[in-house]
PDB file of N, CA and C in Angstrom:
ATOM      1  N   MET A   1      -6.484   0.454 -21.563  1.00  0.00           N
ATOM      2  CA  MET A   1      -6.232   0.075 -19.938  1.00  0.00           C
ATOM      3  C   MET A   1      -4.761   0.605 -20.178  1.00  0.00           C
ATOM      4  N   SER A   2      -4.664   1.188 -18.840  1.00  0.00           N
ATOM      5  CA  SER A   2      -3.191   0.985 -17.963  1.00  0.00           C
ATOM      6  C   SER A   2      -2.465   0.045 -17.548  1.00  0.00           C
ATOM      7  N   ASP A   3      -1.158   0.014 -18.269  1.00  0.00           N
ATOM      8  CA  ASP A   3      -0.417  -1.136 -17.910  1.00  0.00           C
ATOM      9  C   ASP A   3       0.506  -1.177 -16.457  1.00  0.00           C
ATOM     10  N   ARG A   4       0.244   0.112 -15.932  1.00  0.00           N
ATOM     11  CA  ARG A   4       0.976   0.178 -14.756  1.00  0.00           C
ATOM     12  C   ARG A   4      -0.524  -0.474 -13.632  1.00  0.00           C
ATOM     13  N   PRO A   5       0.674  -0.536 -12.817  1.00  0.00           N
ATOM     14  CA  PRO A   5       0.241  -1.242 -11.806  1.00  0.00           C
ATOM     15  C   PRO A   5      -0.603  -0.595 -10.640  1.00  0.00           C
ATOM     16  N   GLN A   6      -2.137  -1.603 -10.331  1.00  0.00           N
ATOM     17  CA  GLN A   6      -2.998  -1.192  -9.502  1.00  0.00           C
ATOM     18  C   GLN A   6      -2.490  -1.555  -7.894  1.00  0.00           C
ATOM     19  N   VAL A   7      -2.513  -1.046  -7.084  1.00  0.00           N
ATOM     20  CA  VAL A   7      -2.328  -0.877  -5.824  1.00  0.00           C
ATOM     21  C   VAL A   7      -3.885  -1.144  -4.803  1.00  0.00           C
ATOM     22  N   ARG A   8      -4.184  -2.334  -4.184  1.00  0.00           N
ATOM     23  CA  ARG A   8      -5.495  -2.530  -3.604  1.00  0.00           C
ATOM     24  C   ARG A   8      -5.069  -2.352  -1.526  1.00  0.00           C
ATOM     25  N   ILE A   9      -5.538  -1.604  -1.100  1.00  0.00           N
ATOM     26  CA  ILE A   9      -5.826  -1.713   0.522  1.00  0.00           C
ATOM     27  C   ILE A   9      -6.755  -2.241   0.925  1.00  0.00           C
ATOM     28  N   ARG A  10      -6.809  -3.302   1.520  1.00  0.00           N
ATOM     29  CA  ARG A  10      -7.927  -3.708   1.796  1.00  0.00           C
ATOM     30  C   ARG A  10      -7.884  -3.635   3.840  1.00  0.00           C
ATOM     31  N   TYR A  11      -9.073  -3.341   4.206  1.00  0.00           N
ATOM     32  CA  TYR A  11      -8.558  -2.729   5.919  1.00  0.00           C
ATOM     33  C   TYR A  11      -9.976  -3.230   6.617  1.00  0.00           C
ATOM     34  N   CYS A  12     -10.011  -3.454   7.729  1.00  0.00           N
ATOM     35  CA  CYS A  12     -11.435  -3.802   8.857  1.00  0.00           C
ATOM     36  C   CYS A  12     -12.090  -2.632   8.419  1.00  0.00           C
ATOM     37  N   THR A  13     -13.405  -2.894   8.434  1.00  0.00           N
ATOM     38  CA  THR A  13     -14.147  -1.551   8.677  1.00  0.00           C
ATOM     39  C   THR A  13     -14.852  -1.585  10.708  1.00  0.00           C
ATOM     40  N   GLY A  14     -14.719  -3.094  10.974  1.00  0.00           N
ATOM     41  CA  GLY A  14     -14.840  -2.907  12.774  1.00  0.00           C
ATOM     42  C   GLY A  14     -14.199  -2.304  13.132  1.00  0.00           C
ATOM     43  N   CYS A  15     -12.695  -2.449  12.964  1.00  0.00           N
ATOM     44  CA  CYS A  15     -11.610  -1.714  13.600  1.00  0.00           C
ATOM     45  C   CYS A  15     -11.816  -0.257  13.246  1.00  0.00           C
ATOM     46  N   HIS A  16     -12.256   0.316  12.331  1.00  0.00           N
ATOM     47  CA  HIS A  16     -11.752   1.890  12.313  1.00  0.00           C
ATOM     48  C   HIS A  16     -10.744   2.025  11.443  1.00  0.00           C
ATOM     49  N   TRP A  17     -10.006   1.231  10.465  1.00  0.00           N
ATOM     50  CA  TRP A  17      -9.198   1.367   9.863  1.00  0.00           C
ATOM     51  C   TRP A  17      -8.966   2.448   8.945  1.00  0.00           C
ATOM     52  N   LEU A  18     -10.635   2.835   8.376  1.00  0.00           N
ATOM     53  CA  LEU A  18     -10.197   3.586   6.853  1.00  0.00           C
ATOM     54  C   LEU A  18      -8.971   4.779   7.120  1.00  0.00           C
ATOM     55  N   LEU A  19      -9.163   5.966   7.999  1.00  0.00           N
ATOM     56  CA  LEU A  19      -8.529   6.995   8.335  1.00  0.00           C
ATOM     57  C   LEU A  19      -6.721   5.979   7.671  1.00  0.00           C
ATOM     58  N   ARG A  20      -6.476   5.240   8.405  1.00  0.00           N
ATOM     59  CA  ARG A  20      -5.453   4.714   8.164  1.00  0.00           C
ATOM     60  C   ARG A  20      -4.935   4.090   6.828  1.00  0.00           C
ATOM     61  N   ALA A  21      -6.082   3.416   6.154  1.00  0.00           N
ATOM     62  CA  ALA A  21      -5.625   2.901   4.707  1.00  0.00           C
ATOM     63  C   ALA A  21      -5.766   4.160   4.060  1.00  0.00           C
ATOM     64  N   ALA A  22      -6.687   5.204   4.170  1.00  0.00           N
ATOM     65  CA  ALA A  22      -6.498   6.229   2.958  1.00  0.00           C
ATOM     66  C   ALA A  22      -5.089   7.069   3.056  1.00  0.00           C
ATOM     67  N   TRP A  23      -4.588   7.028   4.547  1.00  0.00           N
ATOM     68  CA  TRP A  23      -3.460   7.935   4.689  1.00  0.00           C
ATOM     69  C   TRP A  23      -2.434   6.938   3.879  1.00  0.00           C
ATOM     70  N   MET A  24      -2.139   6.103   4.020  1.00  0.00           N
ATOM     71  CA  MET A  24      -1.437   5.241   3.322  1.00  0.00           C
ATOM     72  C   MET A  24      -1.567   4.717   2.015  1.00  0.00           C
ATOM     73  N   ALA A  25      -3.012   5.198   1.081  1.00  0.00           N
ATOM     74  CA  ALA A  25      -3.013   5.728   0.007  1.00  0.00           C
ATOM     75  C   ALA A  25      -2.664   7.094  -0.522  1.00  0.00           C
ATOM     76  N   GLN A  26      -2.810   7.884   0.201  1.00  0.00           N
ATOM     77  CA  GLN A  26      -2.018   9.584   0.287  1.00  0.00           C
ATOM     78  C   GLN A  26      -0.438   9.331  -0.192  1.00  0.00           C
ATOM     79  N   GLU A  27      -0.234   8.475   0.922  1.00  0.00           N
ATOM     80  CA  GLU A  27       1.575   8.653   0.688  1.00  0.00           C
ATOM     81  C   GLU A  27       1.967   7.992  -0.403  1.00  0.00           C
ATOM     82  N   LEU A  28       1.159   6.697  -1.254  1.00  0.00           N
ATOM     83  CA  LEU A  28       1.769   6.380  -2.413  1.00  0.00           C
ATOM     84  C   LEU A  28       1.315   7.234  -3.344  1.00  0.00           C
ATOM     85  N   LEU A  29       0.022   7.396  -3.250  1.00  0.00           N
ATOM     86  CA  LEU A  29      -0.240   8.356  -4.959  1.00  0.00           C
ATOM     87  C   LEU A  29       0.820   9.649  -4.700  1.00  0.00           C
ATOM     88  N   SER A  30       1.007  10.380  -3.429  1.00  0.00           N
ATOM     89  CA  SER A  30       1.678  11.183  -3.631  1.00  0.00           C
ATOM     90  C   SER A  30       3.359  10.733  -4.145  1.00  0.00           C
ATOM     91  N   THR A  31       3.901   9.778  -3.829  1.00  0.00           N
ATOM     92  CA  THR A  31       5.060   9.323  -4.164  1.00  0.00           C
ATOM     93  C   THR A  31       5.081   8.589  -5.606  1.00  0.00           C
ATOM     94  N   PHE A  32       3.932   7.786  -5.764  1.00  0.00           N
ATOM     95  CA  PHE A  32       3.970   7.103  -7.055  1.00  0.00           C
ATOM     96  C   PHE A  32       3.142   7.387  -8.004  1.00  0.00           C
ATOM     97  N   GLU A  33       2.722   8.558  -8.222  1.00  0.00           N
ATOM     98  CA  GLU A  33       1.845   9.367  -8.948  1.00  0.00           C
ATOM     99  C   GLU A  33       1.980   8.774 -10.373  1.00  0.00           C
ATOM    100  N   HIS A  34       3.074   8.805 -10.907  1.00  0.00           N
ATOM    101  CA  HIS A  34       3.285   8.189 -12.543  1.00  0.00           C
ATOM    102  C   HIS A  34       3.416   6.983 -12.392  1.00  0.00           C
ATOM    103  N   ASP A  35       3.822   6.294 -11.377  1.00  0.00           N
ATOM    104  CA  ASP A  35       4.213   4.657 -11.839  1.00  0.00           C
ATOM    105  C   ASP A  35       2.796   4.096 -11.363  1.00  0.00           C
ATOM    106  N   LEU A  36       1.471   4.467 -10.796  1.00  0.00           N
ATOM    107  CA  LEU A  36       0.479   3.231 -10.629  1.00  0.00           C
ATOM    108  C   LEU A  36      -0.818   3.890 -11.281  1.00  0.00           C
ATOM    109  N   ALA A  37      -1.460   3.248 -11.628  1.00  0.00           N
ATOM    110  CA  ALA A  37      -2.687   3.159 -12.426  1.00  0.00           C
ATOM    111  C   ALA A  37      -3.767   3.483 -11.164  1.00  0.00           C
ATOM    112  N   SER A  38      -3.716   2.854  -9.895  1.00  0.00           N
ATOM    113  CA  SER A  38      -4.764   3.384  -8.977  1.00  0.00           C
ATOM    114  C   SER A  38      -4.301   2.947  -7.409  1.00  0.00           C
ATOM    115  N   VAL A  39      -5.076   3.313  -6.539  1.00  0.00           N
ATOM    116  CA  VAL A  39      -4.809   2.567  -5.734  1.00  0.00           C
ATOM    117  C   VAL A  39      -6.677   2.830  -4.557  1.00  0.00           C
ATOM    118  N   THR A  40      -6.732   1.554  -4.448  1.00  0.00           N
ATOM    119  CA  THR A  40      -8.341   1.688  -4.355  1.00  0.00           C
ATOM    120  C   THR A  40      -8.065   1.250  -2.814  1.00  0.00           C
ATOM    121  N   LEU A  41      -9.068   1.982  -2.226  1.00  0.00           N
ATOM    122  CA  LEU A  41      -9.689   1.202  -0.645  1.00  0.00           C
ATOM    123  C   LEU A  41     -10.731   0.011  -0.681  1.00  0.00           C
ATOM    124  N   ILE A  42     -10.566  -1.019   0.270  1.00  0.00           N
ATOM    125  CA  ILE A  42     -11.654  -2.012  -0.115  1.00  0.00           C
ATOM    126  C   ILE A  42     -11.922  -2.469   1.396  1.00  0.00           C
ATOM    127  N   PRO A  43     -13.156  -1.911   2.024  1.00  0.00           N
ATOM    128  CA  PRO A  43     -13.454  -2.251   3.183  1.00  0.00           C
ATOM    129  C   PRO A  43     -13.900  -3.475   3.166  1.00  0.00           C
ATOM    130  N   ASP A  44     -13.715  -3.985   4.425  1.00  0.00           N
ATOM    131  CA  ASP A  44     -13.447  -5.354   5.069  1.00  0.00           C
ATOM    132  C   ASP A  44     -14.244  -5.580   6.644  1.00  0.00           C
ATOM    133  N   ASP A  45     -15.323  -6.413   6.449  1.00  0.00           N
ATOM    134  CA  ASP A  45     -15.535  -6.581   8.149  1.00  0.00           C
ATOM    135  C   ASP A  45     -15.725  -8.225   8.630  1.00  0.00           C
ATOM    136  N   THR A  46     -14.308  -8.677   7.804  1.00  0.00           N
ATOM    137  CA  THR A  46     -14.011 -10.287   8.422  1.00  0.00           C
ATOM    138  C   THR A  46     -13.489  -9.815   9.924  1.00  0.00           C
ATOM    139  N   GLY A  47     -12.627  -8.876  10.553  1.00  0.00           N
ATOM    140  CA  GLY A  47     -11.991  -8.160  11.595  1.00  0.00           C
ATOM    141  C   GLY A  47     -10.509  -8.565  11.538  1.00  0.00           C
ATOM    142  N   GLY A  48      -9.592  -7.011  11.610  1.00  0.00           N
ATOM    143  CA  GLY A  48      -8.672  -7.064  11.958  1.00  0.00           C
ATOM    144  C   GLY A  48      -7.616  -7.206  10.545  1.00  0.00           C
ATOM    145  N   VAL A  49      -8.296  -7.048   9.195  1.00  0.00           N
ATOM    146  CA  VAL A  49      -7.724  -6.826   7.919  1.00  0.00           C
ATOM    147  C   VAL A  49      -6.648  -5.770   8.020  1.00  0.00           C
ATOM    148  N   PHE A  50      -5.681  -5.996   7.561  1.00  0.00           N
ATOM    149  CA  PHE A  50      -4.872  -4.445   6.612  1.00  0.00           C
ATOM    150  C   PHE A  50      -3.804  -5.158   5.855  1.00  0.00           C
ATOM    151  N   ASP A  51      -4.547  -5.451   4.844  1.00  0.00           N
ATOM    152  CA  ASP A  51      -3.806  -6.093   3.450  1.00  0.00           C
ATOM    153  C   ASP A  51      -3.177  -5.179   2.524  1.00  0.00           C
ATOM    154  N   ILE A  52      -2.298  -4.860   1.581  1.00  0.00           N
ATOM    155  CA  ILE A  52      -1.619  -4.363   0.687  1.00  0.00           C
ATOM    156  C   ILE A  52      -0.758  -5.078  -0.216  1.00  0.00           C
ATOM    157  N   HIS A  53      -1.889  -5.096  -1.603  1.00  0.00           N
ATOM    158  CA  HIS A  53      -1.632  -5.857  -2.480  1.00  0.00           C
ATOM    159  C   HIS A  53      -1.032  -4.958  -4.057  1.00  0.00           C
ATOM    160  N   ILE A  54      -0.038  -5.310  -4.589  1.00  0.00           N
ATOM    161  CA  ILE A  54      -0.032  -4.678  -6.219  1.00  0.00           C
ATOM    162  C   ILE A  54      -0.361  -5.853  -7.166  1.00  0.00           C
ATOM    163  N   GLY A  55      -1.287  -5.774  -7.603  1.00  0.00           N
ATOM    164  CA  GLY A  55      -1.604  -6.701  -8.790  1.00  0.00           C
ATOM    165  C   GLY A  55      -2.512  -7.962  -7.596  1.00  0.00           C
ATOM    166  N   GLU A  56      -1.518  -8.886  -7.883  1.00  0.00           N
ATOM    167  CA  GLU A  56      -2.153 -10.232  -7.141  1.00  0.00           C
ATOM    168  C   GLU A  56      -1.100 -10.663  -6.318  1.00  0.00           C
ATOM    169  N   GLN A  57       0.003  -9.803  -6.117  1.00  0.00           N
ATOM    170  CA  GLN A  57       1.218 -10.011  -5.016  1.00  0.00           C
ATOM    171  C   GLN A  57       0.885  -8.975  -4.000  1.00  0.00           C
ATOM    172  N   LEU A  58       1.179 -10.218  -2.542  1.00  0.00           N
ATOM    173  CA  LEU A  58       0.470  -9.366  -1.279  1.00  0.00           C
ATOM    174  C   LEU A  58       1.987  -8.582  -0.986  1.00  0.00           C
ATOM    175  N   VAL A  59       1.734  -7.596  -0.542  1.00  0.00           N
ATOM    176  CA  VAL A  59       3.062  -6.541  -0.164  1.00  0.00           C
ATOM    177  C   VAL A  59       3.298  -6.311   1.093  1.00  0.00           C
ATOM    178  N   TRP A  60       1.719  -6.422   1.626  1.00  0.00           N
ATOM    179  CA  TRP A  60       1.927  -6.440   3.494  1.00  0.00           C
ATOM    180  C   TRP A  60       0.808  -6.793   3.980  1.00  0.00           C
ATOM    181  N   SER A  61       0.464  -7.720   5.136  1.00  0.00           N
ATOM    182  CA  SER A  61      -0.131  -8.304   5.989  1.00  0.00           C
ATOM    183  C   SER A  61       0.095  -8.192   6.892  1.00  0.00           C
ATOM    184  N   ARG A  62      -0.982  -7.540   7.758  1.00  0.00           N
ATOM    185  CA  ARG A  62      -1.068  -7.041   9.265  1.00  0.00           C
ATOM    186  C   ARG A  62      -1.289  -8.167   9.905  1.00  0.00           C
ATOM    187  N   ALA A  63      -1.300  -9.537   9.856  1.00  0.00           N
ATOM    188  CA  ALA A  63      -1.741 -10.946  10.092  1.00  0.00           C
ATOM    189  C   ALA A  63      -0.797 -11.482  10.163  1.00  0.00           C
ATOM    190  N   GLU A  64      -0.090 -11.167   9.037  1.00  0.00           N
ATOM    191  CA  GLU A  64       1.653 -12.025   8.710  1.00  0.00           C
ATOM    192  C   GLU A  64       2.442 -11.714   9.609  1.00  0.00           C
ATOM    193  N   GLN A  65       2.637  -9.866   9.377  1.00  0.00           N
ATOM    194  CA  GLN A  65       3.695  -9.007  10.350  1.00  0.00           C
ATOM    195  C   GLN A  65       3.356  -8.590  11.606  1.00  0.00           C
ATOM    196  N   HIS A  66       1.997  -8.908  11.855  1.00  0.00           N
ATOM    197  CA  HIS A  66       1.655  -8.482  13.576  1.00  0.00           C
ATOM    198  C   HIS A  66       1.824  -7.193  13.785  1.00  0.00           C
ATOM    199  N   ARG A  67       1.625  -6.177  13.066  1.00  0.00           N
ATOM    200  CA  ARG A  67       1.585  -4.648  12.992  1.00  0.00           C
ATOM    201  C   ARG A  67       1.423  -4.232  11.885  1.00  0.00           C
ATOM    202  N   PHE A  68       1.319  -2.942  12.263  1.00  0.00           N
ATOM    203  CA  PHE A  68       0.998  -1.842  10.961  1.00  0.00           C
ATOM    204  C   PHE A  68       2.279  -1.518  10.117  1.00  0.00           C
ATOM    205  N   PRO A  69       2.273  -1.387   9.193  1.00  0.00           N
ATOM    206  CA  PRO A  69       3.533  -0.784   8.358  1.00  0.00           C
ATOM    207  C   PRO A  69       3.814   0.412   8.571  1.00  0.00           C
ATOM    208  N   GLU A  70       4.895   1.033   8.603  1.00  0.00           N
ATOM    209  CA  GLU A  70       5.327   2.179   7.952  1.00  0.00           C
ATOM    210  C   GLU A  70       5.600   2.693   6.987  1.00  0.00           C
ATOM    211  N   PRO A  71       5.077   4.031   6.668  1.00  0.00           N
ATOM    212  CA  PRO A  71       4.835   4.415   5.172  1.00  0.00           C
ATOM    213  C   PRO A  71       6.024   4.147   4.342  1.00  0.00           C
ATOM    214  N   LYS A  72       7.656   4.096   5.362  1.00  0.00           N
ATOM    215  CA  LYS A  72       8.629   3.893   4.199  1.00  0.00           C
ATOM    216  C   LYS A  72       8.880   2.409   4.128  1.00  0.00           C
ATOM    217  N   GLU A  73       8.378   1.736   4.902  1.00  0.00           N
ATOM    218  CA  GLU A  73       8.399   0.197   4.363  1.00  0.00           C
ATOM    219  C   GLU A  73       7.622  -0.210   3.011  1.00  0.00           C
ATOM    220  N   ILE A  74       6.393   0.405   3.180  1.00  0.00           N
ATOM    221  CA  ILE A  74       5.326   0.299   1.605  1.00  0.00           C
ATOM    222  C   ILE A  74       6.391   1.168   0.982  1.00  0.00           C
ATOM    223  N   LYS A  75       6.700   1.894   1.018  1.00  0.00           N
ATOM    224  CA  LYS A  75       7.187   2.673  -0.171  1.00  0.00           C
ATOM    225  C   LYS A  75       8.232   1.953  -0.697  1.00  0.00           C
ATOM    226  N   GLN A  76       8.952   1.841   0.146  1.00  0.00           N
ATOM    227  CA  GLN A  76      10.039   1.182  -0.646  1.00  0.00           C
ATOM    228  C   GLN A  76       9.971  -0.518  -0.916  1.00  0.00           C
ATOM    229  N   ALA A  77       8.902  -0.996  -0.848  1.00  0.00           N
ATOM    230  CA  ALA A  77       8.334  -2.332  -0.831  1.00  0.00           C
ATOM    231  C   ALA A  77       7.598  -1.913  -2.731  1.00  0.00           C
ATOM    232  N   VAL A  78       6.714  -0.903  -2.587  1.00  0.00           N
ATOM    233  CA  VAL A  78       6.214  -0.736  -3.825  1.00  0.00           C
ATOM    234  C   VAL A  78       7.404  -0.430  -4.940  1.00  0.00           C
ATOM    235  N   ARG A  79       8.425   0.490  -4.204  1.00  0.00           N
ATOM    236  CA  ARG A  79       9.354   0.749  -5.226  1.00  0.00           C
ATOM    237  C   ARG A  79       9.720  -0.260  -5.726  1.00  0.00           C
ATOM    238  N   ASP A  80      10.180  -0.922  -4.821  1.00  0.00           N
ATOM    239  CA  ASP A  80      10.764  -2.585  -5.829  1.00  0.00           C
ATOM    240  C   ASP A  80      10.037  -3.277  -6.666  1.00  0.00           C
ATOM    241  N   ILE A  81       9.021  -3.050  -6.967  1.00  0.00           N
ATOM    242  CA  ILE A  81       8.118  -3.812  -7.504  1.00  0.00           C
ATOM    243  C   ILE A  81       7.786  -2.991  -8.694  1.00  0.00           C
ATOM    244  N   VAL A  82       7.562  -1.631  -8.934  1.00  0.00           N
ATOM    245  CA  VAL A  82       7.162  -0.834  -9.639  1.00  0.00           C
ATOM    246  C   VAL A  82       7.875  -0.075 -10.111  1.00  0.00           C
ATOM    247  N   ALA A  83       8.968   0.279  -9.432  1.00  0.00           N
ATOM    248  CA  ALA A  83      10.270   1.128  -9.934  1.00  0.00           C
ATOM    249  C   ALA A  83      11.268   0.796  -9.787  1.00  0.00           C
ATOM    250  N   PRO A  84      11.695  -0.105  -9.829  1.00  0.00           N
ATOM    251  CA  PRO A  84      13.142  -0.749  -9.136  1.00  0.00           C
ATOM    252  C   PRO A  84      14.620   0.119  -9.465  1.00  0.00           C
ATOM    253  N   GLY A  85      15.155   0.051  -8.554  1.00  0.00           N
ATOM    254  CA  GLY A  85      16.226   1.378  -8.824  1.00  0.00           C
ATOM    255  C   GLY A  85      16.174   2.922  -8.418  1.00  0.00           C
ATOM    256  N   ARG A  86      14.295   2.818  -8.211  1.00  0.00           N
ATOM    257  CA  ARG A  86      14.423   4.508  -8.110  1.00  0.00           C
ATOM    258  C   ARG A  86      14.972   4.874  -6.836  1.00  0.00           C
ATOM    259  N   ASP A  87      15.550   6.166  -6.771  1.00  0.00           N
ATOM    260  CA  ASP A  87      15.932   6.658  -5.443  1.00  0.00           C
ATOM    261  C   ASP A  87      14.667   7.411  -4.580  1.00  0.00           C
ATOM    262  N   LEU A  88      14.427   6.797  -3.380  1.00  0.00           N
ATOM    263  CA  LEU A  88      13.307   7.572  -2.544  1.00  0.00           C
ATOM    264  C   LEU A  88      14.030   8.761  -1.795  1.00  0.00           C
ATOM    265  N   GLY A  89      14.838   8.863  -2.075  1.00  0.00           N
ATOM    266  CA  GLY A  89      15.482  10.145  -1.146  1.00  0.00           C
ATOM    267  C   GLY A  89      15.898   9.647   0.338  1.00  0.00           C
ATOM    268  N   HIS A  90      15.467  10.657   1.176  1.00  0.00           N
ATOM    269  CA  HIS A  90      15.511  10.558   2.289  1.00  0.00           C
ATOM    270  C   HIS A  90      15.138   8.975   3.223  1.00  0.00           C
ATOM    271  N   ILE A  91      13.983   8.650   2.506  1.00  0.00           N
ATOM    272  CA  ILE A  91      13.762   7.024   2.840  1.00  0.00           C
ATOM    273  C   ILE A  91      14.435   5.923   2.838  1.00  0.00           C
ATOM    274  N   ASP A  92      15.317   6.055   1.482  1.00  0.00           N
ATOM    275  CA  ASP A  92      16.254   5.256   1.903  1.00  0.00           C
ATOM    276  C   ASP A  92      17.510   5.297   2.411  1.00  0.00           C
ATOM    277  N   ALA A  93      17.725   6.747   2.912  1.00  0.00           N
ATOM    278  CA  ALA A  93      18.977   6.822   4.143  1.00  0.00           C
ATOM    279  C   ALA A  93      18.934   5.881   4.942  1.00  0.00           C
TER     280      ALA A  93
END
């Protein structure tokens, strides 16, 4: 079993946010392909949910932030947990 972190993206099926969740997963996998064990999409029908976790740590909650994350924000938050100090190039500018 890998000791690399696992990311979970829970999204609302009723709101049709699968494409948004898949896009975010693709962004994370392309940036952190060697740092993450997996990115899992979790469909949820409770309404309006869009949460991103690394392990048990909540990285983003649409309910708490009242908006969707920008890829830059999530990449920086994930980097700070899985690869602190790593330069993300133009994203950090």
